Protein backbone atom coordinates (compact mmCIF):
# COMPACT_ATOMS: atom_id res chain seq x y z
CA UNK A 1 30.40 -10.14 36.15
CA UNK A 2 29.66 -7.96 33.16
CA UNK A 3 33.13 -6.41 33.49
CA UNK A 4 34.92 -9.75 33.29
CA UNK A 5 32.78 -10.99 30.38
CA UNK A 6 33.49 -7.76 28.49
CA UNK A 7 37.25 -8.04 29.08
CA UNK A 8 37.39 -11.68 27.98
CA UNK A 9 35.23 -11.08 24.91
CA UNK A 10 37.27 -8.31 23.31
CA UNK A 11 40.61 -8.34 21.56
CA UNK A 12 43.04 -5.47 21.33
CA UNK A 13 42.66 -3.65 18.03
CA UNK A 14 45.23 -1.67 16.03
CA UNK A 15 44.58 2.02 15.44
CA UNK A 16 44.73 2.73 11.69
CA UNK A 17 42.65 5.58 10.26
CA UNK A 18 39.03 4.61 9.82
CA UNK A 19 38.74 2.86 6.42
CA UNK A 20 37.15 4.97 3.77
CA UNK A 21 37.57 8.33 5.49
CA UNK A 22 40.23 9.55 3.06
CA UNK A 23 38.25 8.35 0.05
CA UNK A 24 35.11 10.05 1.36
CA UNK A 25 37.07 13.24 1.98
CA UNK A 26 38.38 13.26 -1.59
CA UNK A 27 34.87 12.67 -2.93
CA UNK A 28 33.39 15.39 -0.72
CA UNK A 29 36.08 17.84 -1.79
CA UNK A 30 35.42 17.20 -5.49
CA UNK A 31 31.67 17.50 -4.98
CA UNK A 32 32.06 20.76 -3.06
CA UNK A 33 34.20 22.21 -5.87
CA UNK A 34 31.62 21.26 -8.51
CA UNK A 35 28.79 22.70 -6.40
CA UNK A 36 30.63 25.97 -5.88
CA UNK A 37 31.03 26.38 -9.62
CA UNK A 38 27.38 25.53 -10.28
CA UNK A 39 25.87 27.58 -7.44
CA UNK A 40 27.62 30.70 -8.66
CA UNK A 41 26.53 30.28 -12.28
CA UNK A 42 23.80 32.35 -14.02
CA UNK A 43 21.59 29.29 -14.83
CA UNK A 44 21.50 28.31 -11.17
CA UNK A 45 20.65 31.85 -10.08
CA UNK A 46 17.80 31.84 -12.60
CA UNK A 47 16.50 28.53 -11.24
CA UNK A 48 16.45 29.91 -7.71
CA UNK A 49 14.40 32.91 -8.83
CA UNK A 50 11.55 30.95 -10.42
CA UNK A 51 8.69 30.75 -9.82
CA UNK A 52 8.54 34.27 -8.49
CA UNK A 53 6.93 34.61 -5.05
CA UNK A 54 3.45 36.14 -4.93
CA UNK A 55 3.29 37.54 -1.45
CA UNK A 56 3.18 36.31 2.12
CA UNK A 57 0.85 33.88 3.85
CA UNK A 58 1.66 32.40 7.28
CA UNK A 59 3.28 34.19 10.21
CA UNK A 60 4.93 31.35 12.17
CA UNK A 61 5.81 31.81 15.82
CA UNK A 62 9.25 30.77 17.07
CA UNK A 63 8.85 29.80 20.77
CA UNK A 64 12.45 30.70 21.61
CA UNK A 65 12.75 33.59 24.09
CA UNK A 66 13.96 36.90 22.64
CA UNK A 67 16.17 39.61 24.11
CA UNK A 68 14.38 42.90 23.52
CA UNK A 69 17.15 44.81 25.27
CA UNK A 70 19.63 43.55 22.69
CA UNK A 71 17.27 44.76 19.98
CA UNK A 72 17.28 48.24 21.51
CA UNK A 73 21.08 48.22 21.62
CA UNK A 74 21.16 47.45 17.90
CA UNK A 75 18.92 50.49 17.33
CA UNK A 76 21.44 52.56 19.27
CA UNK A 77 24.26 51.29 17.05
CA UNK A 78 25.82 48.42 19.05
CA UNK A 79 25.49 44.80 17.94
CA UNK A 80 26.60 42.01 20.28
CA UNK A 81 26.83 38.48 18.89
CA UNK A 82 28.70 35.34 19.94
CA UNK A 83 30.83 37.09 22.51
CA UNK A 84 31.86 39.93 20.18
CA UNK A 85 30.59 43.49 19.82
CA UNK A 86 30.50 45.86 16.86
CA UNK A 87 29.87 49.59 17.17
CA UNK A 88 28.35 50.58 13.86
CA UNK A 89 26.37 53.69 14.73
CA UNK A 90 22.62 54.13 14.43
CA UNK A 91 22.69 53.95 10.61
CA UNK A 92 25.85 51.87 10.20
CA UNK A 93 26.23 48.87 7.92
CA UNK A 94 27.72 45.84 9.74
CA UNK A 95 28.04 43.93 6.45
CA UNK A 96 30.48 46.48 5.07
CA UNK A 97 32.54 46.57 8.28
CA UNK A 98 35.16 44.01 9.42
CA UNK A 99 33.69 41.64 12.02
CA UNK A 100 35.58 41.22 15.31
CA UNK A 101 35.76 37.42 14.84
CA UNK A 102 34.64 34.66 12.54
CA UNK A 103 32.09 33.53 15.11
CA UNK A 104 30.62 37.03 15.07
CA UNK A 105 30.54 37.01 11.26
CA UNK A 106 28.70 33.67 11.18
CA UNK A 107 26.09 34.90 13.67
CA UNK A 108 25.76 38.15 11.72
CA UNK A 109 25.09 36.33 8.43
CA UNK A 110 22.76 33.90 10.15
CA UNK A 111 20.67 36.95 11.08
CA UNK A 112 20.80 35.86 14.73
CA UNK A 113 20.11 39.51 15.56
CA UNK A 114 16.78 39.58 13.68
CA UNK A 115 14.42 38.07 16.33
CA UNK A 116 15.65 40.52 18.98
CA UNK A 117 15.44 43.52 16.67
CA UNK A 118 12.00 42.61 15.32
CA UNK A 119 10.71 42.19 18.89
CA UNK A 120 11.34 45.89 19.57
CA UNK A 121 8.36 46.85 17.42
CA UNK A 122 7.83 48.94 14.26
CA UNK A 123 11.06 50.88 14.74
CA UNK A 124 13.02 47.64 15.02
CA UNK A 125 11.29 46.24 11.93
CA UNK A 126 12.25 49.28 9.87
CA UNK A 127 15.88 49.01 11.01
CA UNK A 128 15.84 45.29 10.21
CA UNK A 129 14.63 46.00 6.67
CA UNK A 130 17.51 48.42 6.16
CA UNK A 131 20.01 45.88 7.45
CA UNK A 132 18.60 43.19 5.16
CA UNK A 133 18.89 45.62 2.26
CA UNK A 134 22.54 46.25 3.26
CA UNK A 135 23.16 42.49 3.27
CA UNK A 136 21.49 42.03 -0.12
CA UNK A 137 23.56 44.76 -1.73
CA UNK A 138 26.83 43.05 -0.79
CA UNK A 139 25.91 39.37 -0.45
CA UNK A 140 22.73 38.95 -2.50
CA UNK A 141 24.53 36.64 -4.93
CA UNK A 142 25.86 33.25 -3.93
CA UNK A 143 29.25 33.10 -2.23
CA UNK A 144 30.95 30.34 -0.32
CA UNK A 145 30.62 31.95 3.11
CA UNK A 146 27.37 33.86 3.34
CA UNK A 147 25.44 31.27 1.34
CA UNK A 148 26.99 28.27 3.07
CA UNK A 149 24.64 25.99 4.95
CA UNK A 150 26.27 27.13 8.18
CA UNK A 151 24.82 30.61 7.68
CA UNK A 152 21.90 29.90 5.37
CA UNK A 153 19.89 27.51 7.55
CA UNK A 154 19.27 29.89 10.42
CA UNK A 155 18.97 32.93 8.14
CA UNK A 156 16.09 31.29 6.25
CA UNK A 157 14.44 30.37 9.54
CA UNK A 158 14.76 33.88 10.99
CA UNK A 159 13.60 35.57 7.78
CA UNK A 160 10.56 33.29 7.58
CA UNK A 161 9.49 33.96 11.17
CA UNK A 162 9.96 37.74 10.87
CA UNK A 163 8.73 38.27 7.28
CA UNK A 164 5.16 39.34 8.07
CA UNK A 165 6.27 41.72 10.83
CA UNK A 166 8.88 43.28 8.54
CA UNK A 167 6.46 43.57 5.63
CA UNK A 168 3.92 45.46 7.73
CA UNK A 169 6.07 48.59 7.66
CA UNK A 170 7.78 48.13 4.29
CA UNK A 171 7.03 49.50 0.85
CA UNK A 172 5.81 47.27 -1.99
CA UNK A 173 9.33 47.20 -3.44
CA UNK A 174 10.85 46.23 -0.06
CA UNK A 175 8.29 43.47 0.44
CA UNK A 176 8.95 42.14 -3.08
CA UNK A 177 12.70 42.06 -2.38
CA UNK A 178 12.10 40.37 0.97
CA UNK A 179 9.93 37.60 -0.46
CA UNK A 180 12.39 37.02 -3.31
CA UNK A 181 15.23 36.77 -0.78
CA UNK A 182 13.30 34.21 1.21
CA UNK A 183 12.31 32.13 -1.83
CA UNK A 184 15.80 32.04 -3.34
CA UNK A 185 17.53 31.18 -0.10
CA UNK A 186 15.02 28.51 0.92
CA UNK A 187 15.41 26.82 -2.46
CA UNK A 188 19.19 26.98 -2.15
CA UNK A 189 18.97 25.50 1.33
CA UNK A 190 17.35 22.34 -0.04
CA UNK A 191 20.15 21.98 -2.60
CA UNK A 192 23.12 22.42 -0.24
CA UNK A 193 24.88 19.16 0.64
CA UNK A 194 27.79 20.38 2.73
CA UNK A 195 26.41 19.01 6.03
CA UNK A 196 24.30 15.86 5.61
CA UNK A 197 23.86 15.68 9.37
CA UNK A 198 21.79 18.90 9.15
CA UNK A 199 19.53 17.74 6.30
CA UNK A 200 16.48 17.46 8.59
CA UNK A 201 16.97 20.85 10.23
CA UNK A 202 17.49 22.50 6.84
CA UNK A 203 14.37 20.89 5.39
CA UNK A 204 12.35 22.13 8.39
CA UNK A 205 13.59 25.70 7.83
CA UNK A 206 12.75 25.45 4.11
CA UNK A 207 9.27 24.09 4.88
CA UNK A 208 8.60 27.01 7.25
CA UNK A 209 9.70 29.40 4.50
CA UNK A 210 7.30 27.64 2.13
CA UNK A 211 4.46 28.22 4.59
CA UNK A 212 5.30 31.92 4.68
CA UNK A 213 5.35 32.30 0.88
CA UNK A 214 1.87 32.40 -0.64
CA UNK A 215 0.33 30.22 -3.37
CA UNK A 216 2.23 27.91 -5.73
CA UNK A 217 5.80 29.07 -4.91
CA UNK A 218 5.18 28.32 -1.25
CA UNK A 219 3.39 25.03 -1.93
CA UNK A 220 6.32 23.80 -4.03
CA UNK A 221 8.77 24.48 -1.21
CA UNK A 222 6.51 22.83 1.36
CA UNK A 223 6.12 19.66 -0.71
CA UNK A 224 9.85 19.36 -1.45
CA UNK A 225 10.85 19.98 2.16
CA UNK A 226 8.25 17.65 3.68
CA UNK A 227 9.54 14.85 1.47
CA UNK A 228 12.98 15.23 3.06
CA UNK A 229 11.49 15.58 6.55
CA UNK A 230 9.46 12.36 6.26
CA UNK A 231 12.54 10.47 5.07
CA UNK A 232 14.88 11.78 7.78
CA UNK A 233 12.92 12.51 10.92
CA UNK A 234 12.77 9.00 12.39
CA UNK A 235 16.49 8.58 11.71
CA UNK A 236 17.37 11.72 13.66
CA UNK A 237 14.74 11.67 16.42
CA UNK A 238 15.35 8.38 18.21
CA UNK A 239 12.58 6.31 19.82
CA UNK A 240 13.38 7.73 23.28
CA UNK A 241 13.38 11.31 21.93
CA UNK A 242 17.11 11.82 21.82
CA UNK A 243 18.84 13.40 18.85
CA UNK A 244 20.97 11.03 16.75
CA UNK A 245 23.98 13.29 17.35
CA UNK A 246 23.55 12.47 21.07
CA UNK A 247 23.55 16.20 21.88
CA UNK A 248 20.75 17.13 24.32
CA UNK A 249 20.92 20.74 23.11
CA UNK A 250 20.54 19.64 19.46
CA UNK A 251 17.34 17.84 20.42
CA UNK A 252 15.97 20.91 22.18
CA UNK A 253 16.72 23.16 19.21
CA UNK A 254 15.06 20.70 16.83
CA UNK A 255 12.02 20.70 19.11
CA UNK A 256 11.78 24.49 18.75
CA UNK A 257 12.00 24.22 14.96
CA UNK A 258 9.39 21.48 14.66
CA UNK A 259 6.98 23.39 16.90
CA UNK A 260 7.43 26.40 14.63
CA UNK A 261 6.78 24.21 11.58
CA UNK A 262 3.66 22.75 13.18
CA UNK A 263 2.33 26.28 13.77
CA UNK A 264 3.19 27.38 10.22
CA UNK A 265 1.50 24.38 8.59
CA UNK A 266 -1.60 24.97 10.68
CA UNK A 267 -1.78 28.56 9.48
CA UNK A 268 -1.61 27.28 5.89
CA UNK A 269 -4.46 24.87 6.58
CA UNK A 270 -2.23 21.83 6.17
CA UNK A 271 -2.03 19.15 8.87
CA UNK A 272 1.39 18.30 10.20
CA UNK A 273 2.62 14.86 9.14
CA UNK A 274 2.07 12.28 11.85
CA UNK A 275 5.82 11.68 11.99
CA UNK A 276 6.32 15.34 12.92
CA UNK A 277 3.75 15.33 15.74
CA UNK A 278 5.18 12.10 17.14
CA UNK A 279 8.70 13.54 16.98
CA UNK A 280 7.56 16.66 18.87
CA UNK A 281 6.14 14.46 21.65
CA UNK A 282 9.33 12.39 21.87
CA UNK A 283 11.61 15.44 21.84
CA UNK A 284 9.56 17.11 24.60
CA UNK A 285 9.84 13.98 26.75
CA UNK A 286 13.60 13.88 26.16
CA UNK A 287 13.92 17.56 27.08
CA UNK A 288 12.34 16.76 30.45
CA UNK A 289 14.67 13.77 30.85
CA UNK A 290 17.80 15.84 30.12
CA UNK A 291 16.78 18.71 32.42
CA UNK A 292 18.73 18.27 35.64
CA UNK A 293 17.82 19.33 39.16
CA UNK A 294 19.51 22.73 38.74
CA UNK A 295 16.96 23.53 36.02
CA UNK A 296 19.46 23.41 33.14
CA UNK A 297 20.15 20.89 30.40
CA UNK A 298 22.77 18.17 30.66
CA UNK A 299 25.88 19.12 28.65
CA UNK A 300 27.18 16.29 26.46
CA UNK A 301 28.42 15.81 22.89
CA UNK A 302 28.61 19.39 21.73
CA UNK A 303 25.60 20.55 23.71
CA UNK A 304 25.85 23.23 26.38
CA UNK A 305 23.93 23.55 29.65
CA UNK A 306 20.95 25.44 28.23
CA UNK A 307 19.23 27.80 30.67
CA UNK A 308 15.97 26.93 32.41
CA UNK A 309 14.23 29.86 30.71
CA UNK A 310 14.91 28.42 27.28
CA UNK A 311 13.83 24.93 28.34
CA UNK A 312 10.61 26.32 29.82
CA UNK A 313 9.85 28.04 26.51
CA UNK A 314 10.19 24.73 24.68
CA UNK A 315 7.94 22.93 27.17
CA UNK A 316 5.38 25.72 27.67
CA UNK A 317 2.69 23.82 25.73
CA UNK A 318 3.71 20.37 26.92
CA UNK A 319 1.14 18.72 29.17
CA UNK A 320 3.94 17.06 31.08
CA UNK A 321 2.78 13.52 30.45
CA UNK A 322 4.14 10.68 32.56
CA UNK A 323 7.33 11.12 34.54
CA UNK A 324 10.24 10.64 32.12
CA UNK A 325 12.12 7.37 32.64
CA UNK A 326 15.52 7.25 34.32
CA UNK A 327 17.23 5.96 31.21
CA UNK A 328 17.35 6.75 27.52
CA UNK A 329 18.78 3.55 26.02
CA UNK A 330 18.55 4.62 22.38
CA UNK A 331 20.29 7.92 23.11
CA UNK A 332 22.80 6.24 25.42
CA UNK A 333 22.20 8.04 28.72
CA UNK A 334 21.42 6.92 32.27
CA UNK A 335 20.05 9.10 35.07
CA UNK A 336 20.40 8.20 38.75
CA UNK A 337 18.27 10.01 41.32
CA UNK A 338 18.86 9.95 45.05
CA UNK A 339 17.61 12.03 47.96
CA UNK A 340 19.69 15.06 46.96
CA UNK A 341 22.24 13.65 44.48
CA UNK A 342 21.45 13.37 40.80
CA UNK A 343 23.78 11.79 38.23
CA UNK A 344 23.61 11.85 34.44
CA UNK A 345 25.95 9.36 32.78
CA UNK A 346 27.04 8.99 29.16
CA UNK A 347 26.41 5.29 28.61
CA UNK A 348 26.73 4.94 24.84
CA UNK A 349 29.30 5.08 22.07
CA UNK A 350 29.80 8.41 20.31
CA UNK A 351 28.05 8.87 16.97
CA UNK A 352 30.05 8.23 13.82
CA UNK A 353 30.35 9.80 10.41
CA UNK A 354 28.58 13.11 9.67
CA UNK A 355 26.64 12.97 12.93
CA UNK A 356 29.92 13.06 14.88
CA UNK A 357 30.90 16.60 13.79
CA UNK A 358 30.26 17.80 17.35
CA UNK A 359 30.73 14.51 19.21
CA UNK A 360 33.19 14.17 22.07
CA UNK A 361 35.55 11.31 22.93
CA UNK A 362 34.36 11.13 26.53
CA UNK A 363 32.82 7.70 27.22
CA UNK A 364 31.34 7.08 30.67
CA UNK A 365 31.47 10.81 31.48
CA UNK A 366 29.16 11.99 34.26
CA UNK A 367 27.54 15.15 35.53
CA UNK A 368 26.54 15.41 39.20
CA UNK A 369 24.01 17.80 40.73
CA UNK A 370 23.79 17.99 44.51
CA UNK A 371 20.60 19.69 45.64
CA UNK A 372 20.33 22.57 43.16
CA UNK A 373 24.10 22.88 42.64
CA UNK A 374 25.76 21.42 39.56
CA UNK A 375 29.12 20.48 41.05
CA UNK A 376 30.63 18.02 38.56
CA UNK A 377 30.33 18.59 34.82
CA UNK A 378 32.52 18.65 31.70
CA UNK A 379 34.20 21.48 29.85
CA UNK A 380 30.92 21.90 27.96
CA UNK A 381 32.48 22.28 24.51
CA UNK A 382 30.09 23.18 21.70
CA UNK A 383 30.56 24.11 18.02
CA UNK A 384 30.25 27.75 19.10
CA UNK A 385 33.73 27.37 20.62
CA UNK A 386 35.18 27.40 17.13
CA UNK A 387 38.56 25.71 16.82
CA UNK A 388 38.82 24.54 20.45
CA UNK A 389 38.63 20.86 19.48
CA UNK A 390 41.05 19.83 22.24
CA UNK A 391 38.08 20.13 24.60
CA UNK A 392 36.41 17.26 22.74
CA UNK A 393 39.07 14.87 24.03
CA UNK A 394 38.71 12.54 26.98
CA UNK A 395 40.50 14.60 29.61
CA UNK A 396 38.01 17.47 29.14
CA UNK A 397 35.21 15.52 30.83
CA UNK A 398 34.55 13.81 34.15
CA UNK A 399 35.73 10.35 33.23
CA UNK A 400 38.98 8.33 33.16
CA UNK A 401 41.89 9.29 30.93
CA UNK A 402 45.04 7.23 30.34
CA UNK A 403 48.39 8.88 29.77
CA UNK A 404 48.33 11.73 27.29
CA UNK A 405 45.96 9.88 24.95
CA UNK A 406 42.26 10.12 24.24
CA UNK A 407 39.50 7.58 23.63
CA UNK A 408 38.92 9.05 20.17
CA UNK A 409 39.91 12.18 18.28
CA UNK A 410 38.48 14.64 15.75
CA UNK A 411 39.67 14.64 12.17
CA UNK A 412 42.21 17.26 11.23
CA UNK A 413 43.86 18.64 8.12
CA UNK A 414 42.46 17.84 4.68
CA UNK A 415 39.97 15.28 5.99
CA UNK A 416 38.45 17.78 8.42
CA UNK A 417 38.37 20.48 5.76
CA UNK A 418 36.48 18.22 3.36
CA UNK A 419 34.19 16.32 5.73
CA UNK A 420 34.08 18.43 8.87
CA UNK A 421 35.66 17.57 12.23
CA UNK A 422 34.25 14.05 12.48
CA UNK A 423 35.17 12.07 15.57
CA UNK A 424 37.12 8.89 14.80
CA UNK A 425 38.67 6.02 16.79
CA UNK A 426 36.10 6.44 19.57
CA UNK A 427 34.54 3.73 21.70
CA UNK A 428 32.67 1.21 19.58
CA UNK A 429 31.38 -1.22 22.20
CA UNK A 430 29.70 0.11 25.34
CA UNK A 431 27.94 -2.28 27.69
CA UNK A 432 25.55 -1.07 30.35
CA UNK A 433 24.01 -2.90 33.29
CA UNK A 434 21.61 -1.20 35.70
CA UNK A 435 19.79 -2.35 38.79
CA UNK A 436 17.26 -0.27 40.72
CA UNK A 437 16.76 -1.52 44.26
CA UNK A 438 15.03 -0.33 47.40
CA UNK A 439 18.30 0.97 48.83
CA UNK A 440 19.78 2.56 45.73
CA UNK A 441 20.78 2.31 42.10
CA UNK A 442 23.67 0.29 40.64
CA UNK A 443 25.08 1.28 37.26
CA UNK A 444 27.93 -0.47 35.40
CA UNK A 445 29.36 1.05 32.22
CA UNK A 446 32.14 -0.76 30.34
CA UNK A 447 33.65 0.55 27.11
CA UNK A 448 36.52 -0.23 24.74
CA UNK A 449 37.69 3.34 24.16
CA UNK A 450 41.22 2.43 25.34
CA UNK A 451 41.53 -0.72 23.20
CA UNK A 452 44.64 0.68 21.50
CA UNK A 453 46.37 0.38 24.86
CA UNK A 454 44.96 -3.09 25.45
CA UNK A 455 42.57 -1.84 28.15
CA UNK A 456 38.88 -1.42 28.77
CA UNK A 457 37.42 1.06 31.24
CA UNK A 458 34.74 -0.08 33.65
CA UNK A 459 32.91 2.53 35.70
CA UNK A 460 30.73 1.18 38.51
CA UNK A 461 28.44 3.61 40.30
CA UNK A 462 26.19 3.04 43.31
CA UNK A 463 23.85 5.78 44.46
CA UNK A 464 22.88 4.96 48.05
CA UNK A 465 19.45 6.45 48.68
CA UNK A 466 19.48 5.82 52.44
CA UNK A 467 22.86 7.45 53.18
CA UNK A 468 22.58 9.96 50.31
CA UNK A 469 26.01 9.23 48.92
CA UNK A 470 27.49 8.24 45.56
CA UNK A 471 30.19 5.57 45.41
CA UNK A 472 32.29 4.98 42.35
CA UNK A 473 34.91 2.54 41.15
CA UNK A 474 36.89 3.16 37.97
CA UNK A 475 38.78 0.09 36.75
CA UNK A 476 41.14 -0.38 33.84
CA UNK A 477 41.00 -4.03 32.76
CA UNK A 478 43.35 -5.85 30.36
CA UNK A 479 41.57 -6.93 27.20
CA UNK A 480 43.89 -9.95 26.95
CA UNK A 481 45.54 -11.50 30.01
CA UNK A 482 49.22 -10.59 30.12
CA UNK A 483 52.26 -11.98 31.86
CA UNK A 484 52.31 -10.28 35.24
CA UNK A 485 55.87 -11.54 35.76
CA UNK A 486 57.13 -10.02 32.50
CA UNK A 487 58.77 -6.61 31.98
CA UNK A 488 56.94 -3.92 33.88
CA UNK A 489 55.46 -1.00 31.97
CA UNK A 490 53.40 1.59 33.79
CA UNK A 491 51.03 4.16 32.35
CA UNK A 492 49.66 7.11 34.31
CA UNK A 493 45.90 7.37 34.46
CA UNK A 494 43.47 9.66 36.21
CA UNK A 495 39.81 9.92 37.16
CA UNK A 496 38.86 13.51 36.51
CA UNK A 497 36.01 15.51 38.04
CA UNK A 498 35.56 18.84 36.28
CA UNK A 499 34.02 21.47 38.49
CA UNK A 500 31.31 23.84 37.41
CA UNK A 501 32.61 27.44 37.32
CA UNK A 502 30.35 28.26 40.28
CA UNK A 503 31.79 25.41 42.38
CA UNK A 504 35.01 25.52 44.38
CA UNK A 505 37.13 22.78 45.92
CA UNK A 506 39.89 22.42 48.50
CA UNK A 507 42.04 19.47 49.58
CA UNK A 508 41.87 18.42 53.21
CA UNK A 509 44.89 17.97 55.47
CA UNK A 510 45.06 14.26 54.70
CA UNK A 511 46.06 15.21 51.13
CA UNK A 512 43.35 12.97 49.68
CA UNK A 513 39.86 14.12 50.62
CA UNK A 514 38.44 17.05 48.65
CA UNK A 515 35.72 19.38 49.93
CA UNK A 516 33.44 20.75 47.18
CA UNK A 517 30.99 23.60 47.62
CA UNK A 518 28.50 25.07 45.17
CA UNK A 519 26.54 28.34 45.18
CA UNK A 520 24.37 27.09 48.09
CA UNK A 521 27.58 26.71 50.17
CA UNK A 522 26.63 23.15 51.14
CA UNK A 523 29.77 21.04 51.38
CA UNK A 524 30.36 17.62 49.82
CA UNK A 525 33.37 15.38 50.47
CA UNK A 526 35.00 13.49 47.62
CA UNK A 527 37.01 10.74 49.34
CA UNK A 528 39.20 8.33 47.38
CA UNK A 529 42.08 5.85 47.41
CA UNK A 530 44.08 7.41 44.57
CA UNK A 531 47.87 7.59 44.77
CA UNK A 532 47.80 11.37 44.39
CA UNK A 533 45.14 14.07 44.29
CA UNK A 534 45.42 17.43 42.55
CA UNK A 535 43.14 20.40 41.93
CA UNK A 536 44.07 21.69 38.49
CA UNK A 537 42.88 24.45 36.21
CA UNK A 538 40.12 23.82 33.70
CA UNK A 539 37.63 25.74 31.58
CA UNK A 540 33.89 25.62 31.01
CA UNK A 541 32.20 26.95 27.87
CA UNK A 542 29.12 29.13 27.99
CA UNK A 543 27.78 30.19 24.56
CA UNK A 544 31.21 29.37 23.16
CA UNK A 545 33.02 31.59 25.68
CA UNK A 546 35.46 29.91 28.05
CA UNK A 547 35.01 30.52 31.78
CA UNK A 548 37.64 29.69 34.38
CA UNK A 549 36.95 26.51 36.28
CA UNK A 550 38.82 23.78 38.12
CA UNK A 551 39.08 20.03 38.09
CA UNK A 552 39.80 17.39 40.69
CA UNK A 553 42.31 14.88 39.35
CA UNK A 554 42.64 11.50 41.11
CA UNK A 555 45.95 10.05 39.89
CA UNK A 556 47.32 6.53 39.77
CA UNK A 557 49.29 4.16 37.52
CA UNK A 558 48.33 1.05 35.59
CA UNK A 559 50.22 -1.91 34.14
CA UNK A 560 48.31 -2.74 30.94
CA UNK A 561 48.80 -6.46 31.48
CA UNK A 562 47.50 -6.31 35.07
CA UNK A 563 45.02 -3.42 35.33
CA UNK A 564 44.28 -1.02 38.17
CA UNK A 565 41.42 0.82 39.84
CA UNK A 566 40.53 3.98 41.73
CA UNK A 567 37.67 4.03 44.21
CA UNK A 568 35.91 7.19 45.33
CA UNK A 569 32.87 8.34 47.28
CA UNK A 570 30.87 11.58 47.27
CA UNK A 571 29.07 12.26 50.52
CA UNK A 572 27.56 15.29 52.21
CA UNK A 573 29.77 17.07 54.73
CA UNK A 574 28.54 17.20 58.32
CA UNK A 575 27.12 20.55 59.38
């Protein structure tokens, strides 16, 4: 069996810090200090200002849906961003007012409010010009926060998409300031090196800005940005359409950006590079693959369950193509489809290095949709949930956790400050075996995420199409055979099933079986042979805001030298 071969073939590994991380952190910290000094210097500011922009050209369309009602609220003096609200009055200046949270401040400086405000019409465009002028007065020169890549990337994108609409109602002086803002910030965006995992997305935003700026200044930006895009795009967009960060949401957002770039290049009379058009096709196919039966996106590795409305906007011009496959081997995901049960399984190792800044230590995690109800999910952590990195650990997803440990952890302290919250010590070897038969689908996932405890985790799933039930077996297997007659040491372990906030669960009288119901009120039994069963509190993130949820915890114990297993079955309740 694949499980036995995996267990025999691996050796227990020690758990020192990943080699080179400290050295890379020191190097990144020195480089960041040098860049801060240079970016704030007069020569650098002069370089960003030349050549001077000569007007506007393209008017790219961002396919993302807008919230016109939010734009009207901003006109009335209330700005709501990232779960926070600021009452600034009809003529207030939010950039000269304390923000309610850092998340709000980041969204404010990203100009996340601009698409909604510009969509209101001429009145919204005039208000947006005044707000941009307020920003320029305080933050027009480089500073470590407002000009960081975290804020700059989306601000350049939003300014580029709205520039023509804003210029229509602005004076010559306002338009000149606007184009200079866009040129300087797009050039700075190509020079920032604080997040190498975002190099492709930043180059796309800079290229769109180049399409918006007329003549030679715009052409120079386009050429410089396309050079980066051609070098990076096939590294980030995998052959099956997944994003190299393994976040389904990151892939969807990149699809939006590339579609906007394709439109902008067409308006400038320049064909999109073939690598861009191929990437758009692959990303669209992956978006269909990751869209579950409830109409929302699968939530893994820093990606949230994006709404169906947003997904539909990304796929509005997609001809559908062939039915997406049931597996994405390059991205590391497997989908199982039954009569009314659908399963999405994380069947790959987490990304490493810069691409792991939003990765989660949750190997073999699953999401389960029954009918149109997403019943089993994860905590849905995303970078919007700033600081809540505990939800990136193993016990925050629907998989097996051992003791109080985790199958990987994010960096902390100086290393995290210098490099970002990379994930380290995660699973490095994940083996997958799948068989599709007439009666159902078998899926085996085996990973070494618990190698520090001398164990591997094997998750075997069988989706029975005829009986419409999902059977699972979670086994902890010794990596090296131990002496079963030696001293006994037990570790607690649990198979966790995190409930969607709209699902509820109750334990039956037998103390083992759990009845789960979603919004449709259709019941599903989770039966098991665990030693103990508990329904515990949990949380689920929506746009970075935590919602109350629950989790079903199937508990048992394991001797590392012997192993153990928990078996479970999800089946529809009668009546």
